[in-house]
Amino acid sequence: MSGQGDGQITALLERVGAGDADALSAVFAIVYAELRALARRQLAGHRRGTLSTTAVVHEAYLKLLAGQPLATENRIHFFALAARAMRHILVDHARMRLAAKRGGGEAVPLLKTDDIRVDARAAELIDLDQALERLNGADERLGQIVDLRFFAGLSVEETADLMALSPRTVKREWRKARAFLYDAVASHPPSVSPA
């Protein structure tokens, strides 16, 4: 996630922190291709429906723009925030899909085999998101490591650098976080069962 123009991006991110929305647009323009790759990774394995890579990147931009003034430390931190915004977009989309499958006031069509798979994937994504929220409540640092490693796709070294930790600590905490999430998902029945 490091690239050319890091100094330019850092300067722009400082302006973003000061409330300059135009600077955020400039950052997105510079890192657009990397954000699309990040969105593509997050969409992998999920039926996209109406979500495309471009739509996820644009919605993440709007989500970041609409929130509190964006205080980012550097390029890596920006990607972590973008990854979290994309995760929330995917979870919201999964919730809407499941609500639509439950009827939503419309006639329920006959299910096809792949509809069951899609619902299971949506339910898995929602369960993972709930487990991540529990992880953040139990240990915020572990939650940050998951966001950086899994959702932003950062290496152990990049994560360690951003969080001012040793790579050894990140590896140890990453193992703890994965074990926590596995136990949390395995010990809680799916929040929504496939029809």
N, C-alpha and C. Protein backbone atom coordinates (compact mmCIF):
# COMPACT_ATOMS: atom_id res chain seq x y z
N MET A 1 0.82 -1.20 0.00
CA MET A 1 0.00 0.00 0.00
C MET A 1 0.86 1.26 0.00
N SER A 2 2.11 1.09 -0.21
CA SER A 2 2.92 2.29 -0.32
C SER A 2 3.14 2.57 -1.79
N GLY A 3 3.26 3.80 -2.11
CA GLY A 3 3.42 4.13 -3.51
C GLY A 3 4.02 5.49 -3.68
N GLN A 4 4.09 5.89 -4.92
CA GLN A 4 4.62 7.20 -5.21
C GLN A 4 3.63 8.25 -4.76
N GLY A 5 4.14 9.39 -4.40
CA GLY A 5 3.26 10.48 -4.00
C GLY A 5 2.82 10.41 -2.55
N ASP A 6 3.52 9.60 -1.72
CA ASP A 6 3.14 9.50 -0.31
C ASP A 6 3.19 10.86 0.38
N GLY A 7 4.22 11.66 0.07
CA GLY A 7 4.33 12.99 0.67
C GLY A 7 3.16 13.88 0.28
N GLN A 8 2.78 13.80 -0.99
CA GLN A 8 1.64 14.59 -1.47
C GLN A 8 0.36 14.14 -0.78
N ILE A 9 0.20 12.82 -0.63
CA ILE A 9 -1.00 12.29 0.03
C ILE A 9 -1.03 12.71 1.49
N THR A 10 0.12 12.63 2.16
CA THR A 10 0.16 13.04 3.57
C THR A 10 -0.23 14.50 3.72
N ALA A 11 0.27 15.36 2.84
CA ALA A 11 -0.09 16.79 2.90
C ALA A 11 -1.58 16.97 2.66
N LEU A 12 -2.13 16.24 1.69
CA LEU A 12 -3.56 16.33 1.43
C LEU A 12 -4.38 15.82 2.62
N LEU A 13 -3.92 14.74 3.25
CA LEU A 13 -4.64 14.19 4.40
C LEU A 13 -4.63 15.16 5.58
N GLU A 14 -3.57 15.93 5.71
CA GLU A 14 -3.54 16.97 6.75
C GLU A 14 -4.62 18.01 6.47
N ARG A 15 -4.79 18.37 5.20
CA ARG A 15 -5.85 19.31 4.83
C ARG A 15 -7.23 18.71 5.06
N VAL A 16 -7.36 17.39 4.80
CA VAL A 16 -8.63 16.71 5.04
C VAL A 16 -8.97 16.80 6.52
N GLY A 17 -7.98 16.57 7.39
CA GLY A 17 -8.18 16.65 8.83
C GLY A 17 -8.63 18.03 9.27
N ALA A 18 -8.25 19.04 8.51
CA ALA A 18 -8.66 20.42 8.81
C ALA A 18 -10.04 20.74 8.22
N GLY A 19 -10.67 19.73 7.57
CA GLY A 19 -12.03 19.93 7.06
C GLY A 19 -12.12 20.29 5.59
N ASP A 20 -11.05 20.15 4.84
CA ASP A 20 -11.03 20.49 3.42
C ASP A 20 -11.56 19.32 2.59
N ALA A 21 -12.83 19.38 2.17
CA ALA A 21 -13.44 18.29 1.40
C ALA A 21 -12.79 18.15 0.03
N ASP A 22 -12.30 19.22 -0.54
CA ASP A 22 -11.63 19.14 -1.84
C ASP A 22 -10.35 18.32 -1.74
N ALA A 23 -9.68 18.38 -0.59
CA ALA A 23 -8.47 17.59 -0.41
C ALA A 23 -8.80 16.10 -0.40
N LEU A 24 -9.96 15.73 0.20
CA LEU A 24 -10.36 14.33 0.20
C LEU A 24 -10.62 13.85 -1.22
N SER A 25 -11.23 14.69 -2.04
CA SER A 25 -11.45 14.35 -3.45
C SER A 25 -10.12 14.13 -4.16
N ALA A 26 -9.14 14.96 -3.86
CA ALA A 26 -7.83 14.83 -4.48
C ALA A 26 -7.15 13.52 -4.05
N VAL A 27 -7.29 13.15 -2.77
CA VAL A 27 -6.72 11.88 -2.29
C VAL A 27 -7.37 10.72 -3.02
N PHE A 28 -8.71 10.75 -3.12
CA PHE A 28 -9.40 9.66 -3.82
C PHE A 28 -8.95 9.57 -5.27
N ALA A 29 -8.74 10.69 -5.92
CA ALA A 29 -8.30 10.67 -7.32
C ALA A 29 -6.93 10.02 -7.44
N ILE A 30 -6.04 10.28 -6.51
CA ILE A 30 -4.69 9.74 -6.56
C ILE A 30 -4.67 8.23 -6.29
N VAL A 31 -5.48 7.78 -5.34
CA VAL A 31 -5.42 6.37 -4.91
C VAL A 31 -6.60 5.56 -5.42
N TYR A 32 -7.31 6.07 -6.41
CA TYR A 32 -8.53 5.43 -6.90
C TYR A 32 -8.29 3.97 -7.31
N ALA A 33 -7.23 3.71 -8.05
CA ALA A 33 -6.96 2.34 -8.51
C ALA A 33 -6.71 1.41 -7.33
N GLU A 34 -6.00 1.88 -6.32
CA GLU A 34 -5.74 1.05 -5.14
C GLU A 34 -7.04 0.80 -4.36
N LEU A 35 -7.91 1.80 -4.30
CA LEU A 35 -9.20 1.62 -3.61
C LEU A 35 -10.07 0.62 -4.36
N ARG A 36 -10.02 0.65 -5.68
CA ARG A 36 -10.78 -0.34 -6.47
C ARG A 36 -10.26 -1.75 -6.20
N ALA A 37 -8.95 -1.90 -6.09
CA ALA A 37 -8.38 -3.22 -5.77
C ALA A 37 -8.81 -3.66 -4.38
N LEU A 38 -8.84 -2.74 -3.43
CA LEU A 38 -9.31 -3.05 -2.08
C LEU A 38 -10.78 -3.46 -2.11
N ALA A 39 -11.60 -2.74 -2.84
CA ALA A 39 -13.03 -3.08 -2.95
C ALA A 39 -13.20 -4.43 -3.64
N ARG A 40 -12.39 -4.70 -4.65
CA ARG A 40 -12.46 -5.99 -5.35
C ARG A 40 -12.16 -7.14 -4.39
N ARG A 41 -11.16 -6.96 -3.52
CA ARG A 41 -10.85 -7.98 -2.52
C ARG A 41 -12.02 -8.18 -1.56
N GLN A 42 -12.66 -7.08 -1.16
CA GLN A 42 -13.77 -7.20 -0.21
C GLN A 42 -14.99 -7.83 -0.86
N LEU A 43 -15.17 -7.63 -2.16
CA LEU A 43 -16.32 -8.22 -2.85
C LEU A 43 -16.08 -9.67 -3.24
N ALA A 44 -14.84 -10.11 -3.22
CA ALA A 44 -14.52 -11.49 -3.63
C ALA A 44 -15.29 -12.48 -2.76
N GLY A 45 -15.92 -13.42 -3.41
CA GLY A 45 -16.65 -14.46 -2.69
C GLY A 45 -18.06 -14.07 -2.31
N HIS A 46 -18.48 -12.86 -2.62
CA HIS A 46 -19.84 -12.42 -2.30
C HIS A 46 -20.56 -12.09 -3.59
N ARG A 47 -21.80 -12.49 -3.66
CA ARG A 47 -22.59 -12.12 -4.84
C ARG A 47 -22.81 -10.62 -4.76
N ARG A 48 -22.49 -9.95 -5.80
CA ARG A 48 -22.50 -8.50 -5.78
C ARG A 48 -23.89 -7.90 -5.94
N GLY A 49 -24.76 -8.56 -6.69
CA GLY A 49 -26.07 -7.96 -6.92
C GLY A 49 -25.90 -6.62 -7.57
N THR A 50 -26.37 -5.56 -6.91
CA THR A 50 -26.27 -4.22 -7.47
C THR A 50 -24.97 -3.54 -7.10
N LEU A 51 -24.13 -4.21 -6.31
CA LEU A 51 -22.87 -3.59 -5.90
C LEU A 51 -21.77 -3.93 -6.90
N SER A 52 -21.11 -2.92 -7.37
CA SER A 52 -19.94 -3.11 -8.21
C SER A 52 -18.75 -2.54 -7.45
N THR A 53 -17.57 -2.85 -7.94
CA THR A 53 -16.36 -2.30 -7.32
C THR A 53 -16.43 -0.78 -7.30
N THR A 54 -16.82 -0.20 -8.42
CA THR A 54 -16.91 1.26 -8.51
C THR A 54 -17.93 1.81 -7.51
N ALA A 55 -19.09 1.15 -7.40
CA ALA A 55 -20.11 1.62 -6.47
C ALA A 55 -19.61 1.58 -5.03
N VAL A 56 -18.87 0.53 -4.67
CA VAL A 56 -18.36 0.43 -3.31
C VAL A 56 -17.35 1.54 -3.03
N VAL A 57 -16.46 1.82 -3.98
CA VAL A 57 -15.48 2.90 -3.79
C VAL A 57 -16.19 4.24 -3.66
N HIS A 58 -17.18 4.49 -4.51
CA HIS A 58 -17.87 5.78 -4.46
C HIS A 58 -18.68 5.92 -3.17
N GLU A 59 -19.33 4.82 -2.73
CA GLU A 59 -20.07 4.89 -1.47
C GLU A 59 -19.14 5.09 -0.29
N ALA A 60 -17.96 4.48 -0.33
CA ALA A 60 -16.98 4.68 0.74
C ALA A 60 -16.55 6.14 0.78
N TYR A 61 -16.35 6.74 -0.38
CA TYR A 61 -16.00 8.16 -0.45
C TYR A 61 -17.08 9.00 0.21
N LEU A 62 -18.34 8.74 -0.14
CA LEU A 62 -19.44 9.51 0.44
C LEU A 62 -19.54 9.28 1.94
N LYS A 63 -19.31 8.06 2.38
CA LYS A 63 -19.37 7.74 3.81
C LYS A 63 -18.27 8.49 4.57
N LEU A 64 -17.07 8.51 4.01
CA LEU A 64 -15.96 9.23 4.66
C LEU A 64 -16.19 10.74 4.63
N LEU A 65 -16.76 11.22 3.56
CA LEU A 65 -17.01 12.65 3.41
C LEU A 65 -18.10 13.13 4.36
N ALA A 66 -19.10 12.27 4.61
CA ALA A 66 -20.27 12.67 5.41
C ALA A 66 -20.01 12.61 6.91
N GLY A 67 -18.98 11.90 7.34
CA GLY A 67 -18.73 11.73 8.77
C GLY A 67 -18.09 12.96 9.39
N GLN A 68 -17.58 12.75 10.58
CA GLN A 68 -16.83 13.80 11.28
C GLN A 68 -15.63 14.18 10.43
N PRO A 69 -15.00 15.32 10.71
CA PRO A 69 -13.78 15.62 9.96
C PRO A 69 -12.83 14.43 10.03
N LEU A 70 -12.30 14.06 8.91
CA LEU A 70 -11.50 12.86 8.78
C LEU A 70 -10.08 13.12 9.26
N ALA A 71 -9.74 12.55 10.43
CA ALA A 71 -8.41 12.71 10.98
C ALA A 71 -7.59 11.47 10.64
N THR A 72 -6.74 11.60 9.65
CA THR A 72 -5.90 10.47 9.25
C THR A 72 -4.45 10.83 9.48
N GLU A 73 -3.68 9.82 9.87
CA GLU A 73 -2.28 10.05 10.18
C GLU A 73 -1.41 9.96 8.92
N ASN A 74 -1.79 9.05 8.03
CA ASN A 74 -0.97 8.84 6.84
C ASN A 74 -1.75 7.99 5.84
N ARG A 75 -1.08 7.61 4.78
CA ARG A 75 -1.72 6.83 3.71
C ARG A 75 -2.28 5.50 4.22
N ILE A 76 -1.52 4.79 5.06
CA ILE A 76 -1.97 3.50 5.56
C ILE A 76 -3.21 3.67 6.41
N HIS A 77 -3.22 4.66 7.27
CA HIS A 77 -4.39 4.92 8.12
C HIS A 77 -5.60 5.25 7.25
N PHE A 78 -5.40 6.01 6.20
CA PHE A 78 -6.49 6.33 5.28
C PHE A 78 -7.07 5.05 4.68
N PHE A 79 -6.20 4.13 4.24
CA PHE A 79 -6.69 2.88 3.67
C PHE A 79 -7.44 2.04 4.70
N ALA A 80 -7.01 2.08 5.94
CA ALA A 80 -7.72 1.35 7.00
C ALA A 80 -9.12 1.93 7.19
N LEU A 81 -9.24 3.25 7.18
CA LEU A 81 -10.56 3.88 7.30
C LEU A 81 -11.43 3.56 6.09
N ALA A 82 -10.83 3.57 4.90
CA ALA A 82 -11.59 3.24 3.70
C ALA A 82 -12.05 1.79 3.73
N ALA A 83 -11.19 0.90 4.20
CA ALA A 83 -11.55 -0.52 4.29
C ALA A 83 -12.71 -0.72 5.26
N ARG A 84 -12.68 -0.03 6.39
CA ARG A 84 -13.78 -0.14 7.36
C ARG A 84 -15.08 0.39 6.75
N ALA A 85 -15.00 1.50 6.02
CA ALA A 85 -16.20 2.05 5.38
C ALA A 85 -16.76 1.05 4.36
N MET A 86 -15.87 0.41 3.60
CA MET A 86 -16.32 -0.58 2.61
C MET A 86 -16.95 -1.79 3.29
N ARG A 87 -16.38 -2.21 4.41
CA ARG A 87 -16.96 -3.33 5.16
C ARG A 87 -18.38 -2.99 5.60
N HIS A 88 -18.58 -1.79 6.10
CA HIS A 88 -19.91 -1.37 6.54
C HIS A 88 -20.90 -1.33 5.36
N ILE A 89 -20.43 -0.91 4.21
CA ILE A 89 -21.28 -0.89 3.02
C ILE A 89 -21.71 -2.30 2.65
N LEU A 90 -20.76 -3.24 2.67
CA LEU A 90 -21.09 -4.64 2.34
C LEU A 90 -22.06 -5.24 3.35
N VAL A 91 -21.87 -4.94 4.63
CA VAL A 91 -22.77 -5.47 5.66
C VAL A 91 -24.16 -4.88 5.49
N ASP A 92 -24.25 -3.58 5.24
CA ASP A 92 -25.56 -2.95 5.01
C ASP A 92 -26.26 -3.58 3.81
N HIS A 93 -25.49 -3.83 2.76
CA HIS A 93 -26.04 -4.45 1.55
C HIS A 93 -26.53 -5.87 1.86
N ALA A 94 -25.75 -6.61 2.64
CA ALA A 94 -26.15 -7.98 3.01
C ALA A 94 -27.44 -7.95 3.84
N ARG A 95 -27.55 -7.00 4.74
CA ARG A 95 -28.77 -6.88 5.55
C ARG A 95 -29.98 -6.59 4.67
N MET A 96 -29.81 -5.71 3.70
CA MET A 96 -30.92 -5.39 2.80
C MET A 96 -31.32 -6.61 1.98
N ARG A 97 -30.33 -7.36 1.52
CA ARG A 97 -30.63 -8.57 0.73
C ARG A 97 -31.40 -9.58 1.57
N LEU A 98 -30.99 -9.75 2.81
CA LEU A 98 -31.68 -10.71 3.67
C LEU A 98 -33.09 -10.23 4.00
N ALA A 99 -33.25 -8.95 4.21
CA ALA A 99 -34.59 -8.41 4.48
C ALA A 99 -35.49 -8.63 3.26
N ALA A 100 -34.94 -8.42 2.07
CA ALA A 100 -35.73 -8.63 0.85
C ALA A 100 -36.09 -10.11 0.70
N LYS A 101 -35.17 -11.00 1.06
CA LYS A 101 -35.45 -12.44 0.95
C LYS A 101 -36.54 -12.87 1.93
N ARG A 102 -36.65 -12.15 3.06
CA ARG A 102 -37.67 -12.50 4.05
C ARG A 102 -39.04 -11.98 3.66
N GLY A 103 -39.13 -11.35 2.52
CA GLY A 103 -40.44 -10.92 2.06
C GLY A 103 -40.51 -9.44 1.82
N GLY A 104 -40.31 -8.64 2.83
CA GLY A 104 -40.35 -7.19 2.67
C GLY A 104 -41.65 -6.70 2.07
N GLY A 105 -42.77 -7.40 2.34
CA GLY A 105 -44.06 -6.99 1.84
C GLY A 105 -44.35 -7.45 0.43
N GLU A 106 -43.40 -8.16 -0.18
CA GLU A 106 -43.60 -8.63 -1.55
C GLU A 106 -43.78 -10.14 -1.54
N ALA A 107 -44.31 -10.65 -2.62
CA ALA A 107 -44.46 -12.09 -2.75
C ALA A 107 -43.07 -12.72 -2.78
N VAL A 108 -42.89 -13.84 -2.08
CA VAL A 108 -41.60 -14.50 -2.01
C VAL A 108 -41.46 -15.45 -3.20
N PRO A 109 -40.46 -15.23 -4.05
CA PRO A 109 -40.28 -16.12 -5.20
C PRO A 109 -39.78 -17.48 -4.74
N LEU A 110 -39.95 -18.49 -5.60
CA LEU A 110 -39.41 -19.80 -5.28
C LEU A 110 -37.89 -19.69 -5.23
N LEU A 111 -37.30 -20.33 -4.23
CA LEU A 111 -35.85 -20.25 -4.08
C LEU A 111 -35.15 -21.16 -5.06
N LYS A 112 -34.04 -20.69 -5.55
CA LYS A 112 -33.16 -21.50 -6.38
C LYS A 112 -31.99 -21.93 -5.51
N THR A 113 -31.26 -22.90 -5.93
CA THR A 113 -30.13 -23.40 -5.15
C THR A 113 -29.15 -22.30 -4.84
N ASP A 114 -28.82 -21.44 -5.82
CA ASP A 114 -27.84 -20.40 -5.56
C ASP A 114 -28.39 -19.30 -4.66
N ASP A 115 -29.72 -19.16 -4.54
CA ASP A 115 -30.29 -18.20 -3.60
C ASP A 115 -29.93 -18.58 -2.18
N ILE A 116 -29.94 -19.88 -1.87
CA ILE A 116 -29.59 -20.33 -0.52
C ILE A 116 -28.14 -19.99 -0.23
N ARG A 117 -27.26 -20.21 -1.20
CA ARG A 117 -25.85 -19.88 -1.02
C ARG A 117 -25.66 -18.39 -0.78
N VAL A 118 -26.37 -17.57 -1.52
CA VAL A 118 -26.26 -16.13 -1.36
C VAL A 118 -26.71 -15.72 0.04
N ASP A 119 -27.85 -16.26 0.49
CA ASP A 119 -28.33 -15.91 1.82
C ASP A 119 -27.34 -16.36 2.89
N ALA A 120 -26.74 -17.53 2.70
CA ALA A 120 -25.77 -18.01 3.67
C ALA A 120 -24.56 -17.07 3.70
N ARG A 121 -24.10 -16.62 2.54
CA ARG A 121 -22.97 -15.69 2.48
C ARG A 121 -23.32 -14.37 3.16
N ALA A 122 -24.52 -13.86 2.91
CA ALA A 122 -24.94 -12.61 3.53
C ALA A 122 -25.01 -12.79 5.05
N ALA A 123 -25.57 -13.91 5.50
CA ALA A 123 -25.66 -14.18 6.93
C ALA A 123 -24.26 -14.30 7.54
N GLU A 124 -23.33 -14.97 6.83
CA GLU A 124 -21.96 -15.10 7.32
C GLU A 124 -21.30 -13.73 7.47
N LEU A 125 -21.51 -12.85 6.50
CA LEU A 125 -20.92 -11.52 6.56
C LEU A 125 -21.47 -10.74 7.74
N ILE A 126 -22.77 -10.83 7.98
CA ILE A 126 -23.38 -10.14 9.11
C ILE A 126 -22.86 -10.73 10.43
N ASP A 127 -22.75 -12.05 10.50
CA ASP A 127 -22.22 -12.69 11.71
C ASP A 127 -20.78 -12.26 11.96
N LEU A 128 -19.97 -12.20 10.90
CA LEU A 128 -18.59 -11.75 11.05
C LEU A 128 -18.55 -10.31 11.55
N ASP A 129 -19.41 -9.46 11.00
CA ASP A 129 -19.45 -8.07 11.44
C ASP A 129 -19.82 -7.98 12.92
N GLN A 130 -20.80 -8.77 13.36
CA GLN A 130 -21.19 -8.77 14.78
C GLN A 130 -20.04 -9.26 15.65
N ALA A 131 -19.32 -10.28 15.18
CA ALA A 131 -18.16 -10.78 15.93
C ALA A 131 -17.07 -9.71 16.00
N LEU A 132 -16.88 -8.96 14.91
CA LEU A 132 -15.89 -7.88 14.93
C LEU A 132 -16.29 -6.78 15.92
N GLU A 133 -17.58 -6.50 16.01
CA GLU A 133 -18.04 -5.50 16.98
C GLU A 133 -17.76 -5.98 18.41
N ARG A 134 -17.99 -7.28 18.67
CA ARG A 134 -17.68 -7.83 20.00
C ARG A 134 -16.17 -7.77 20.26
N LEU A 135 -15.37 -8.07 19.23
CA LEU A 135 -13.92 -7.99 19.37
C LEU A 135 -13.49 -6.56 19.69
N ASN A 136 -14.04 -5.59 18.99
CA ASN A 136 -13.70 -4.19 19.26
C ASN A 136 -14.07 -3.80 20.69
N GLY A 137 -15.21 -4.32 21.18
CA GLY A 137 -15.62 -4.04 22.56
C GLY A 137 -14.69 -4.68 23.58
N ALA A 138 -14.18 -5.87 23.25
CA ALA A 138 -13.30 -6.59 24.18
C ALA A 138 -11.87 -6.05 24.12
N ASP A 139 -11.39 -5.73 22.93
CA ASP A 139 -10.01 -5.28 22.76
C ASP A 139 -9.92 -4.47 21.47
N GLU A 140 -9.97 -3.18 21.59
CA GLU A 140 -10.00 -2.31 20.41
C GLU A 140 -8.76 -2.48 19.54
N ARG A 141 -7.62 -2.72 20.15
CA ARG A 141 -6.39 -2.88 19.37
C ARG A 141 -6.48 -4.10 18.46
N LEU A 142 -7.06 -5.20 18.97
CA LEU A 142 -7.23 -6.39 18.14
C LEU A 142 -8.15 -6.08 16.96
N GLY A 143 -9.21 -5.30 17.21
CA GLY A 143 -10.12 -4.92 16.14
C GLY A 143 -9.43 -4.09 15.07
N GLN A 144 -8.56 -3.19 15.50
CA GLN A 144 -7.81 -2.38 14.54
C GLN A 144 -6.88 -3.24 13.69
N ILE A 145 -6.27 -4.23 14.32
CA ILE A 145 -5.38 -5.12 13.58
C ILE A 145 -6.16 -5.90 12.53
N VAL A 146 -7.36 -6.36 12.87
CA VAL A 146 -8.18 -7.07 11.88
C VAL A 146 -8.53 -6.15 10.73
N ASP A 147 -8.95 -4.92 11.02
CA ASP A 147 -9.29 -3.97 9.96
C ASP A 147 -8.10 -3.76 9.02
N LEU A 148 -6.92 -3.59 9.61
CA LEU A 148 -5.74 -3.31 8.79
C LEU A 148 -5.27 -4.54 8.02
N ARG A 149 -5.20 -5.67 8.69
CA ARG A 149 -4.68 -6.87 8.05
C ARG A 149 -5.67 -7.49 7.06
N PHE A 150 -6.91 -7.68 7.51
CA PHE A 150 -7.88 -8.41 6.70
C PHE A 150 -8.59 -7.50 5.70
N PHE A 151 -9.14 -6.41 6.19
CA PHE A 151 -9.96 -5.58 5.32
C PHE A 151 -9.14 -4.61 4.47
N ALA A 152 -8.06 -4.05 5.00
CA ALA A 152 -7.23 -3.15 4.20
C ALA A 152 -6.13 -3.90 3.45
N GLY A 153 -5.90 -5.17 3.83
CA GLY A 153 -4.90 -5.97 3.14
C GLY A 153 -3.47 -5.57 3.41
N LEU A 154 -3.22 -4.94 4.57
CA LEU A 154 -1.86 -4.51 4.88
C LEU A 154 -1.01 -5.68 5.38
N SER A 155 0.26 -5.57 5.16
CA SER A 155 1.20 -6.59 5.63
C SER A 155 1.39 -6.43 7.14
N VAL A 156 2.03 -7.42 7.73
CA VAL A 156 2.37 -7.35 9.16
C VAL A 156 3.23 -6.11 9.42
N GLU A 157 4.20 -5.87 8.55
CA GLU A 157 5.12 -4.75 8.74
C GLU A 157 4.40 -3.40 8.62
N GLU A 158 3.52 -3.27 7.62
CA GLU A 158 2.76 -2.02 7.47
C GLU A 158 1.86 -1.78 8.67
N THR A 159 1.21 -2.84 9.15
CA THR A 159 0.35 -2.74 10.32
C THR A 159 1.17 -2.33 11.55
N ALA A 160 2.32 -2.97 11.72
CA ALA A 160 3.19 -2.66 12.85
C ALA A 160 3.64 -1.20 12.79
N ASP A 161 4.01 -0.75 11.61
CA ASP A 161 4.46 0.64 11.44
C ASP A 161 3.35 1.62 11.79
N LEU A 162 2.16 1.37 11.29
CA LEU A 162 1.04 2.28 11.53
C LEU A 162 0.68 2.32 13.01
N MET A 163 0.69 1.18 13.67
CA MET A 163 0.24 1.11 15.06
C MET A 163 1.38 1.29 16.06
N ALA A 164 2.58 1.54 15.57
CA ALA A 164 3.75 1.71 16.42
C ALA A 164 3.96 0.49 17.32
N LEU A 165 3.88 -0.69 16.71
CA LEU A 165 4.11 -1.95 17.40
C LEU A 165 5.22 -2.71 16.68
N SER A 166 5.74 -3.72 17.33
CA SER A 166 6.72 -4.56 16.65
C SER A 166 5.97 -5.56 15.77
N PRO A 167 6.60 -6.00 14.68
CA PRO A 167 5.95 -7.02 13.85
C PRO A 167 5.61 -8.29 14.65
N ARG A 168 6.46 -8.63 15.58
CA ARG A 168 6.20 -9.81 16.43
C ARG A 168 4.90 -9.64 17.22
N THR A 169 4.69 -8.44 17.77
CA THR A 169 3.46 -8.16 18.51
C THR A 169 2.24 -8.24 17.60
N VAL A 170 2.37 -7.69 16.39
CA VAL A 170 1.25 -7.74 15.45
C VAL A 170 0.91 -9.19 15.11
N LYS A 171 1.93 -10.02 14.87
CA LYS A 171 1.68 -11.43 14.56
C LYS A 171 0.96 -12.12 15.72
N ARG A 172 1.41 -11.86 16.94
CA ARG A 172 0.79 -12.47 18.12
C ARG A 172 -0.66 -12.00 18.27
N GLU A 173 -0.88 -10.69 18.13
CA GLU A 173 -2.22 -10.13 18.28
C GLU A 173 -3.14 -10.58 17.14
N TRP A 174 -2.59 -10.74 15.95
CA TRP A 174 -3.35 -11.22 14.79
C TRP A 174 -3.85 -12.64 15.05
N ARG A 175 -2.98 -13.49 15.63
CA ARG A 175 -3.40 -14.85 15.98
C ARG A 175 -4.53 -14.82 17.03
N LYS A 176 -4.38 -13.95 18.02
CA LYS A 176 -5.42 -13.82 19.06
C LYS A 176 -6.74 -13.36 18.46
N ALA A 177 -6.67 -12.37 17.58
CA ALA A 177 -7.89 -11.83 16.97
C ALA A 177 -8.58 -12.88 16.12
N ARG A 178 -7.81 -13.64 15.34
CA ARG A 178 -8.42 -14.68 14.51
C ARG A 178 -9.06 -15.77 15.38
N ALA A 179 -8.41 -16.13 16.47
CA ALA A 179 -8.98 -17.14 17.37
C ALA A 179 -10.27 -16.62 18.00
N PHE A 180 -10.27 -15.36 18.41
CA PHE A 180 -11.47 -14.75 18.99
C PHE A 180 -12.62 -14.79 17.99
N LEU A 181 -12.35 -14.36 16.76
CA LEU A 181 -13.40 -14.31 15.74
C LEU A 181 -13.91 -15.71 15.40
N TYR A 182 -13.01 -16.67 15.31
CA TYR A 182 -13.43 -18.04 15.02
C TYR A 182 -14.35 -18.54 16.12
N ASP A 183 -13.94 -18.35 17.37
CA ASP A 183 -14.78 -18.79 18.50
C ASP A 183 -16.11 -18.05 18.53
N ALA A 184 -16.08 -16.74 18.25
CA ALA A 184 -17.31 -15.93 18.29
C ALA A 184 -18.29 -16.38 17.23
N VAL A 185 -17.80 -16.64 16.04
CA VAL A 185 -18.69 -17.06 14.95
C VAL A 185 -19.16 -18.50 15.17
N ALA A 186 -18.27 -19.36 15.62
CA ALA A 186 -18.62 -20.77 15.83
C ALA A 186 -19.57 -20.96 17.01
N SER A 187 -19.48 -20.10 18.03
CA SER A 187 -20.29 -20.29 19.23
C SER A 187 -21.66 -19.61 19.15
N HIS A 188 -21.87 -18.78 18.15
CA HIS A 188 -23.17 -18.11 17.99
C HIS A 188 -23.84 -18.65 16.74
N PRO A 189 -25.08 -19.11 16.87
CA PRO A 189 -25.78 -19.57 15.68
C PRO A 189 -25.98 -18.40 14.71
N PRO A 190 -26.11 -18.69 13.42
CA PRO A 190 -26.29 -17.61 12.45
C PRO A 190 -27.45 -16.71 12.86
N SER A 191 -27.27 -15.41 12.67
CA SER A 191 -28.29 -14.45 13.04
C SER A 191 -29.52 -14.58 12.13
N VAL A 192 -29.30 -15.03 10.91
CA VAL A 192 -30.40 -15.24 9.98
C VAL A 192 -30.14 -16.55 9.27
N SER A 193 -31.09 -17.43 9.30
CA SER A 193 -30.87 -18.71 8.64
C SER A 193 -31.36 -18.63 7.21
N PRO A 194 -30.69 -19.32 6.31
CA PRO A 194 -31.15 -19.31 4.93
C PRO A 194 -32.55 -19.91 4.83
N ALA A 195 -33.38 -19.32 3.98
CA ALA A 195 -34.73 -19.82 3.81
C ALA A 195 -34.64 -21.17 3.21
